[in-house]
Amino acid sequence: MIEYFLNHDLHLTVCTLSGIVTLAEVRKFQFELWSIPLTGRYDCLIDISPMDSLELLDSGAETMNEITTRVARLDTGTIANRLFLVAPKDWQYGLARMYSQYRMMKHRRRTYVVRSMTRAFELLALERGL
């Protein structure tokens, strides 16, 4: 499941991925978010700590790189000035780092992968000069 809320005062989208997350849910989330005016200018904080697994396979086995590339392709670079991924578990952190590298390489967007919400908010405050 993907839940999110928008803080228009802070120009921030905060998302939480929980349970088993599918490719269809990721696509739906991105479509919904992109349809909201001005969110393309917002920073985005995504907490994947409650996520149990990521099921992005259409069929057959894929490597982690292929899975990461598929999700990153959905990110056109129009969403979020900066992306903060909270990934406390090792497998989440590894997946988030691969996604981060692909996103920065393809879209030149600042992407941070951290292990706690506290650290994500610290970096967000530093980036904004607060």
N, C-alpha and C. Protein backbone atom coordinates (compact mmCIF):
# COMPACT_ATOMS: atom_id res chain seq x y z
N MET A 1 0.83 -1.17 0.00
CA MET A 1 0.00 0.00 0.00
C MET A 1 0.89 1.24 0.00
N ILE A 2 0.45 2.26 -0.71
CA ILE A 2 1.16 3.53 -0.74
C ILE A 2 0.20 4.61 -0.28
N GLU A 3 0.59 5.30 0.77
CA GLU A 3 -0.20 6.42 1.27
C GLU A 3 0.68 7.67 1.23
N TYR A 4 0.06 8.81 0.98
CA TYR A 4 0.83 10.04 0.96
C TYR A 4 -0.03 11.21 1.41
N PHE A 5 0.66 12.26 1.84
CA PHE A 5 -0.03 13.51 2.10
C PHE A 5 0.87 14.64 1.62
N LEU A 6 0.23 15.73 1.29
CA LEU A 6 0.94 16.91 0.79
C LEU A 6 0.91 18.00 1.84
N ASN A 7 2.07 18.59 2.09
CA ASN A 7 2.15 19.75 2.95
C ASN A 7 2.46 20.93 2.03
N HIS A 8 1.41 21.66 1.66
CA HIS A 8 1.59 22.75 0.70
C HIS A 8 2.40 23.89 1.28
N ASP A 9 2.32 24.11 2.59
CA ASP A 9 3.09 25.18 3.21
C ASP A 9 4.59 24.91 3.11
N LEU A 10 4.98 23.63 3.27
CA LEU A 10 6.40 23.26 3.20
C LEU A 10 6.83 22.80 1.82
N HIS A 11 5.89 22.74 0.87
CA HIS A 11 6.17 22.21 -0.47
C HIS A 11 6.81 20.84 -0.37
N LEU A 12 6.13 19.95 0.35
CA LEU A 12 6.67 18.63 0.65
C LEU A 12 5.59 17.56 0.49
N THR A 13 5.96 16.48 -0.17
CA THR A 13 5.13 15.29 -0.25
C THR A 13 5.75 14.24 0.65
N VAL A 14 4.96 13.66 1.54
CA VAL A 14 5.45 12.60 2.43
C VAL A 14 4.67 11.33 2.10
N CYS A 15 5.41 10.27 1.78
CA CYS A 15 4.81 9.01 1.37
C CYS A 15 5.26 7.89 2.30
N THR A 16 4.37 6.91 2.47
CA THR A 16 4.71 5.71 3.24
C THR A 16 4.32 4.51 2.40
N LEU A 17 5.27 3.60 2.22
CA LEU A 17 5.01 2.34 1.54
C LEU A 17 4.96 1.26 2.60
N SER A 18 3.89 0.47 2.59
CA SER A 18 3.76 -0.56 3.61
C SER A 18 3.24 -1.85 3.01
N GLY A 19 3.51 -2.95 3.72
CA GLY A 19 3.06 -4.26 3.26
C GLY A 19 3.78 -4.68 1.99
N ILE A 20 3.03 -5.31 1.10
CA ILE A 20 3.57 -5.73 -0.19
C ILE A 20 3.20 -4.66 -1.21
N VAL A 21 4.20 -4.03 -1.80
CA VAL A 21 3.98 -2.97 -2.77
C VAL A 21 4.19 -3.54 -4.18
N THR A 22 3.25 -3.25 -5.07
CA THR A 22 3.32 -3.78 -6.44
C THR A 22 3.62 -2.67 -7.44
N LEU A 23 4.03 -3.08 -8.63
CA LEU A 23 4.29 -2.13 -9.71
C LEU A 23 3.03 -1.34 -10.04
N ALA A 24 1.87 -1.99 -10.03
CA ALA A 24 0.61 -1.30 -10.30
C ALA A 24 0.36 -0.18 -9.29
N GLU A 25 0.68 -0.44 -8.02
CA GLU A 25 0.51 0.59 -6.99
C GLU A 25 1.46 1.76 -7.21
N VAL A 26 2.70 1.46 -7.61
CA VAL A 26 3.68 2.52 -7.88
C VAL A 26 3.19 3.39 -9.03
N ARG A 27 2.73 2.76 -10.09
CA ARG A 27 2.23 3.51 -11.26
C ARG A 27 1.03 4.38 -10.87
N LYS A 28 0.08 3.81 -10.13
CA LYS A 28 -1.11 4.55 -9.70
C LYS A 28 -0.72 5.74 -8.84
N PHE A 29 0.18 5.51 -7.89
CA PHE A 29 0.65 6.59 -7.02
C PHE A 29 1.27 7.72 -7.84
N GLN A 30 2.16 7.37 -8.75
CA GLN A 30 2.83 8.42 -9.53
C GLN A 30 1.83 9.17 -10.42
N PHE A 31 0.87 8.46 -11.01
CA PHE A 31 -0.13 9.12 -11.84
C PHE A 31 -0.96 10.09 -11.00
N GLU A 32 -1.40 9.65 -9.82
CA GLU A 32 -2.18 10.51 -8.94
C GLU A 32 -1.39 11.75 -8.52
N LEU A 33 -0.15 11.53 -8.14
CA LEU A 33 0.67 12.64 -7.67
C LEU A 33 0.95 13.64 -8.78
N TRP A 34 1.27 13.15 -9.98
CA TRP A 34 1.56 14.05 -11.09
C TRP A 34 0.34 14.84 -11.53
N SER A 35 -0.85 14.36 -11.23
CA SER A 35 -2.06 15.06 -11.64
C SER A 35 -2.40 16.22 -10.71
N ILE A 36 -1.70 16.34 -9.60
CA ILE A 36 -1.96 17.43 -8.65
C ILE A 36 -1.06 18.61 -9.00
N PRO A 37 -1.66 19.77 -9.30
CA PRO A 37 -0.85 20.93 -9.70
C PRO A 37 0.21 21.28 -8.66
N LEU A 38 1.36 21.69 -9.14
CA LEU A 38 2.50 22.19 -8.37
C LEU A 38 3.31 21.13 -7.63
N THR A 39 2.84 19.88 -7.53
CA THR A 39 3.62 18.90 -6.78
C THR A 39 4.96 18.61 -7.44
N GLY A 40 5.11 18.89 -8.71
CA GLY A 40 6.39 18.70 -9.39
C GLY A 40 7.49 19.59 -8.83
N ARG A 41 7.10 20.60 -8.09
CA ARG A 41 8.08 21.50 -7.47
C ARG A 41 8.36 21.12 -6.02
N TYR A 42 7.67 20.15 -5.50
CA TYR A 42 7.81 19.76 -4.09
C TYR A 42 8.95 18.78 -3.90
N ASP A 43 9.58 18.85 -2.73
CA ASP A 43 10.48 17.79 -2.31
C ASP A 43 9.62 16.59 -1.92
N CYS A 44 10.22 15.42 -1.92
CA CYS A 44 9.46 14.20 -1.60
C CYS A 44 10.25 13.36 -0.61
N LEU A 45 9.57 12.96 0.46
CA LEU A 45 10.15 12.09 1.47
C LEU A 45 9.36 10.79 1.42
N ILE A 46 10.05 9.69 1.15
CA ILE A 46 9.39 8.38 1.05
C ILE A 46 9.94 7.46 2.13
N ASP A 47 9.04 7.01 3.00
CA ASP A 47 9.41 6.09 4.07
C ASP A 47 9.03 4.68 3.65
N ILE A 48 10.04 3.84 3.40
CA ILE A 48 9.76 2.46 3.01
C ILE A 48 9.99 1.50 4.17
N SER A 49 10.20 2.03 5.38
CA SER A 49 10.47 1.15 6.52
C SER A 49 9.34 0.15 6.81
N PRO A 50 8.05 0.50 6.63
CA PRO A 50 7.01 -0.50 6.89
C PRO A 50 6.76 -1.47 5.73
N MET A 51 7.51 -1.31 4.64
CA MET A 51 7.32 -2.16 3.46
C MET A 51 7.90 -3.55 3.70
N ASP A 52 7.08 -4.59 3.46
CA ASP A 52 7.52 -5.97 3.63
C ASP A 52 8.24 -6.51 2.40
N SER A 53 7.72 -6.16 1.23
CA SER A 53 8.36 -6.60 -0.01
C SER A 53 7.90 -5.73 -1.16
N LEU A 54 8.65 -5.80 -2.23
CA LEU A 54 8.38 -5.03 -3.44
C LEU A 54 8.19 -6.02 -4.57
N GLU A 55 6.98 -6.12 -5.08
CA GLU A 55 6.68 -7.08 -6.15
C GLU A 55 6.49 -6.32 -7.46
N LEU A 56 7.57 -6.24 -8.22
CA LEU A 56 7.54 -5.50 -9.47
C LEU A 56 7.66 -6.41 -10.67
N LEU A 57 7.59 -7.69 -10.45
CA LEU A 57 7.80 -8.63 -11.54
C LEU A 57 6.53 -8.83 -12.34
N ASP A 58 6.63 -8.65 -13.66
CA ASP A 58 5.51 -8.97 -14.52
C ASP A 58 5.48 -10.47 -14.76
N SER A 59 6.64 -11.05 -14.99
CA SER A 59 6.76 -12.50 -15.13
C SER A 59 8.23 -12.87 -15.06
N GLY A 60 8.50 -14.04 -14.53
CA GLY A 60 9.87 -14.53 -14.47
C GLY A 60 10.71 -13.83 -13.41
N ALA A 61 11.94 -14.29 -13.29
CA ALA A 61 12.87 -13.72 -12.31
C ALA A 61 13.65 -12.58 -12.94
N GLU A 62 13.87 -11.54 -12.15
CA GLU A 62 14.66 -10.40 -12.60
C GLU A 62 15.71 -10.09 -11.55
N THR A 63 16.81 -9.50 -12.00
CA THR A 63 17.84 -9.09 -11.06
C THR A 63 17.40 -7.81 -10.36
N MET A 64 18.01 -7.50 -9.25
CA MET A 64 17.70 -6.29 -8.51
C MET A 64 17.92 -5.06 -9.40
N ASN A 65 18.95 -5.09 -10.25
CA ASN A 65 19.22 -3.97 -11.14
C ASN A 65 18.06 -3.76 -12.11
N GLU A 66 17.52 -4.82 -12.66
CA GLU A 66 16.40 -4.70 -13.60
C GLU A 66 15.16 -4.15 -12.90
N ILE A 67 14.91 -4.60 -11.68
CA ILE A 67 13.77 -4.10 -10.92
C ILE A 67 13.93 -2.61 -10.64
N THR A 68 15.12 -2.24 -10.18
CA THR A 68 15.39 -0.84 -9.87
C THR A 68 15.25 0.03 -11.11
N THR A 69 15.78 -0.43 -12.23
CA THR A 69 15.69 0.32 -13.47
C THR A 69 14.24 0.52 -13.89
N ARG A 70 13.41 -0.50 -13.73
CA ARG A 70 12.00 -0.40 -14.10
C ARG A 70 11.30 0.69 -13.28
N VAL A 71 11.52 0.71 -11.98
CA VAL A 71 10.87 1.71 -11.14
C VAL A 71 11.40 3.10 -11.46
N ALA A 72 12.70 3.22 -11.64
CA ALA A 72 13.29 4.52 -11.92
C ALA A 72 12.80 5.09 -13.25
N ARG A 73 12.48 4.23 -14.22
CA ARG A 73 11.95 4.71 -15.49
C ARG A 73 10.61 5.42 -15.32
N LEU A 74 9.85 5.02 -14.29
CA LEU A 74 8.58 5.68 -14.03
C LEU A 74 8.79 7.10 -13.54
N ASP A 75 9.97 7.38 -12.99
CA ASP A 75 10.30 8.69 -12.47
C ASP A 75 10.84 9.52 -13.63
N THR A 76 10.02 10.39 -14.17
CA THR A 76 10.42 11.17 -15.34
C THR A 76 11.32 12.34 -14.97
N GLY A 77 11.53 12.54 -13.68
CA GLY A 77 12.34 13.68 -13.27
C GLY A 77 11.51 14.93 -13.08
N THR A 78 10.21 14.86 -13.35
CA THR A 78 9.36 16.03 -13.18
C THR A 78 8.83 16.12 -11.75
N ILE A 79 8.98 15.06 -11.00
CA ILE A 79 8.41 15.04 -9.66
C ILE A 79 9.54 15.25 -8.63
N ALA A 80 9.32 16.13 -7.72
CA ALA A 80 10.20 16.37 -6.57
C ALA A 80 11.52 17.01 -6.94
N ASN A 81 11.82 18.10 -6.29
CA ASN A 81 13.12 18.71 -6.43
C ASN A 81 14.19 17.82 -5.82
N ARG A 82 13.91 17.34 -4.63
CA ARG A 82 14.83 16.43 -3.95
C ARG A 82 14.01 15.26 -3.43
N LEU A 83 14.64 14.11 -3.42
CA LEU A 83 13.98 12.91 -2.94
C LEU A 83 14.75 12.36 -1.76
N PHE A 84 14.04 12.06 -0.67
CA PHE A 84 14.62 11.48 0.52
C PHE A 84 13.96 10.12 0.73
N LEU A 85 14.75 9.05 0.70
CA LEU A 85 14.25 7.70 0.89
C LEU A 85 14.69 7.20 2.26
N VAL A 86 13.74 6.80 3.10
CA VAL A 86 14.04 6.28 4.43
C VAL A 86 13.96 4.76 4.34
N ALA A 87 15.12 4.12 4.53
CA ALA A 87 15.22 2.67 4.34
C ALA A 87 16.09 2.05 5.44
N PRO A 88 15.51 1.69 6.57
CA PRO A 88 16.31 1.20 7.69
C PRO A 88 16.84 -0.23 7.54
N LYS A 89 16.12 -1.09 6.84
CA LYS A 89 16.55 -2.48 6.69
C LYS A 89 17.58 -2.59 5.56
N ASP A 90 18.51 -3.52 5.69
CA ASP A 90 19.58 -3.64 4.70
C ASP A 90 19.06 -3.84 3.29
N TRP A 91 18.07 -4.73 3.09
CA TRP A 91 17.57 -4.98 1.73
C TRP A 91 16.87 -3.75 1.17
N GLN A 92 16.18 -2.99 2.03
CA GLN A 92 15.53 -1.76 1.60
C GLN A 92 16.57 -0.71 1.23
N TYR A 93 17.59 -0.62 2.05
CA TYR A 93 18.66 0.36 1.83
C TYR A 93 19.37 0.07 0.51
N GLY A 94 19.67 -1.20 0.25
CA GLY A 94 20.33 -1.56 -1.01
C GLY A 94 19.48 -1.22 -2.22
N LEU A 95 18.20 -1.55 -2.16
CA LEU A 95 17.29 -1.24 -3.26
C LEU A 95 17.17 0.27 -3.46
N ALA A 96 17.04 0.99 -2.35
CA ALA A 96 16.91 2.44 -2.42
C ALA A 96 18.18 3.09 -2.99
N ARG A 97 19.35 2.57 -2.62
CA ARG A 97 20.61 3.11 -3.15
C ARG A 97 20.72 2.89 -4.66
N MET A 98 20.30 1.71 -5.14
CA MET A 98 20.32 1.46 -6.58
C MET A 98 19.37 2.42 -7.30
N TYR A 99 18.18 2.58 -6.77
CA TYR A 99 17.21 3.50 -7.36
C TYR A 99 17.77 4.92 -7.35
N SER A 100 18.37 5.31 -6.24
CA SER A 100 18.95 6.64 -6.09
C SER A 100 20.01 6.91 -7.16
N GLN A 101 20.90 5.95 -7.35
CA GLN A 101 21.97 6.13 -8.33
C GLN A 101 21.40 6.26 -9.74
N TYR A 102 20.43 5.44 -10.08
CA TYR A 102 19.82 5.52 -11.40
C TYR A 102 19.11 6.85 -11.58
N ARG A 103 18.39 7.28 -10.58
CA ARG A 103 17.66 8.55 -10.67
C ARG A 103 18.60 9.73 -10.83
N MET A 104 19.68 9.74 -10.06
CA MET A 104 20.65 10.84 -10.17
C MET A 104 21.35 10.82 -11.53
N MET A 105 21.67 9.63 -12.01
CA MET A 105 22.36 9.50 -13.29
C MET A 105 21.46 9.94 -14.45
N LYS A 106 20.22 9.49 -14.45
CA LYS A 106 19.31 9.77 -15.55
C LYS A 106 18.68 11.15 -15.48
N HIS A 107 18.36 11.63 -14.28
CA HIS A 107 17.59 12.86 -14.14
C HIS A 107 18.32 13.96 -13.41
N ARG A 108 19.52 13.66 -12.94
CA ARG A 108 20.33 14.63 -12.22
C ARG A 108 19.55 15.28 -11.07
N ARG A 109 18.78 14.48 -10.37
CA ARG A 109 18.01 14.94 -9.22
C ARG A 109 18.71 14.54 -7.94
N ARG A 110 18.73 15.44 -6.97
CA ARG A 110 19.32 15.09 -5.68
C ARG A 110 18.46 14.05 -5.00
N THR A 111 19.10 12.96 -4.62
CA THR A 111 18.41 11.86 -3.97
C THR A 111 19.25 11.41 -2.79
N TYR A 112 18.60 11.27 -1.63
CA TYR A 112 19.28 10.87 -0.42
C TYR A 112 18.65 9.59 0.12
N VAL A 113 19.47 8.66 0.54
CA VAL A 113 18.98 7.44 1.16
C VAL A 113 19.51 7.43 2.58
N VAL A 114 18.59 7.34 3.53
CA VAL A 114 18.94 7.40 4.94
C VAL A 114 18.23 6.26 5.68
N ARG A 115 18.65 6.04 6.90
CA ARG A 115 18.09 4.93 7.69
C ARG A 115 17.00 5.36 8.66
N SER A 116 16.74 6.67 8.81
CA SER A 116 15.72 7.10 9.77
C SER A 116 15.02 8.37 9.28
N MET A 117 13.78 8.54 9.76
CA MET A 117 13.02 9.76 9.44
C MET A 117 13.72 10.97 10.03
N THR A 118 14.30 10.80 11.20
CA THR A 118 15.01 11.91 11.84
C THR A 118 16.11 12.43 10.92
N ARG A 119 16.91 11.53 10.37
CA ARG A 119 18.00 11.93 9.48
C ARG A 119 17.45 12.56 8.20
N ALA A 120 16.36 12.05 7.69
CA ALA A 120 15.76 12.63 6.48
C ALA A 120 15.35 14.07 6.73
N PHE A 121 14.70 14.33 7.86
CA PHE A 121 14.28 15.70 8.17
C PHE A 121 15.48 16.60 8.45
N GLU A 122 16.55 16.06 9.04
CA GLU A 122 17.77 16.86 9.24
C GLU A 122 18.34 17.29 7.90
N LEU A 123 18.46 16.37 6.96
CA LEU A 123 18.98 16.70 5.63
C LEU A 123 18.08 17.67 4.88
N LEU A 124 16.79 17.47 5.01
CA LEU A 124 15.83 18.38 4.36
C LEU A 124 16.01 19.79 4.90
N ALA A 125 16.17 19.93 6.21
CA ALA A 125 16.38 21.25 6.82
C ALA A 125 17.69 21.85 6.35
N LEU A 126 18.76 21.04 6.26
CA LEU A 126 20.05 21.55 5.78
C LEU A 126 19.96 22.01 4.34
N GLU A 127 19.30 21.22 3.50
CA GLU A 127 19.15 21.56 2.09
C GLU A 127 18.39 22.88 1.92
N ARG A 128 17.45 23.11 2.79
CA ARG A 128 16.63 24.32 2.69
C ARG A 128 17.23 25.49 3.46
N GLY A 129 18.38 25.27 4.09
CA GLY A 129 19.04 26.34 4.83
C GLY A 129 18.33 26.75 6.11
N LEU A 130 17.65 25.79 6.72
CA LEU A 130 16.91 26.08 7.95
C LEU A 130 17.74 25.79 9.18
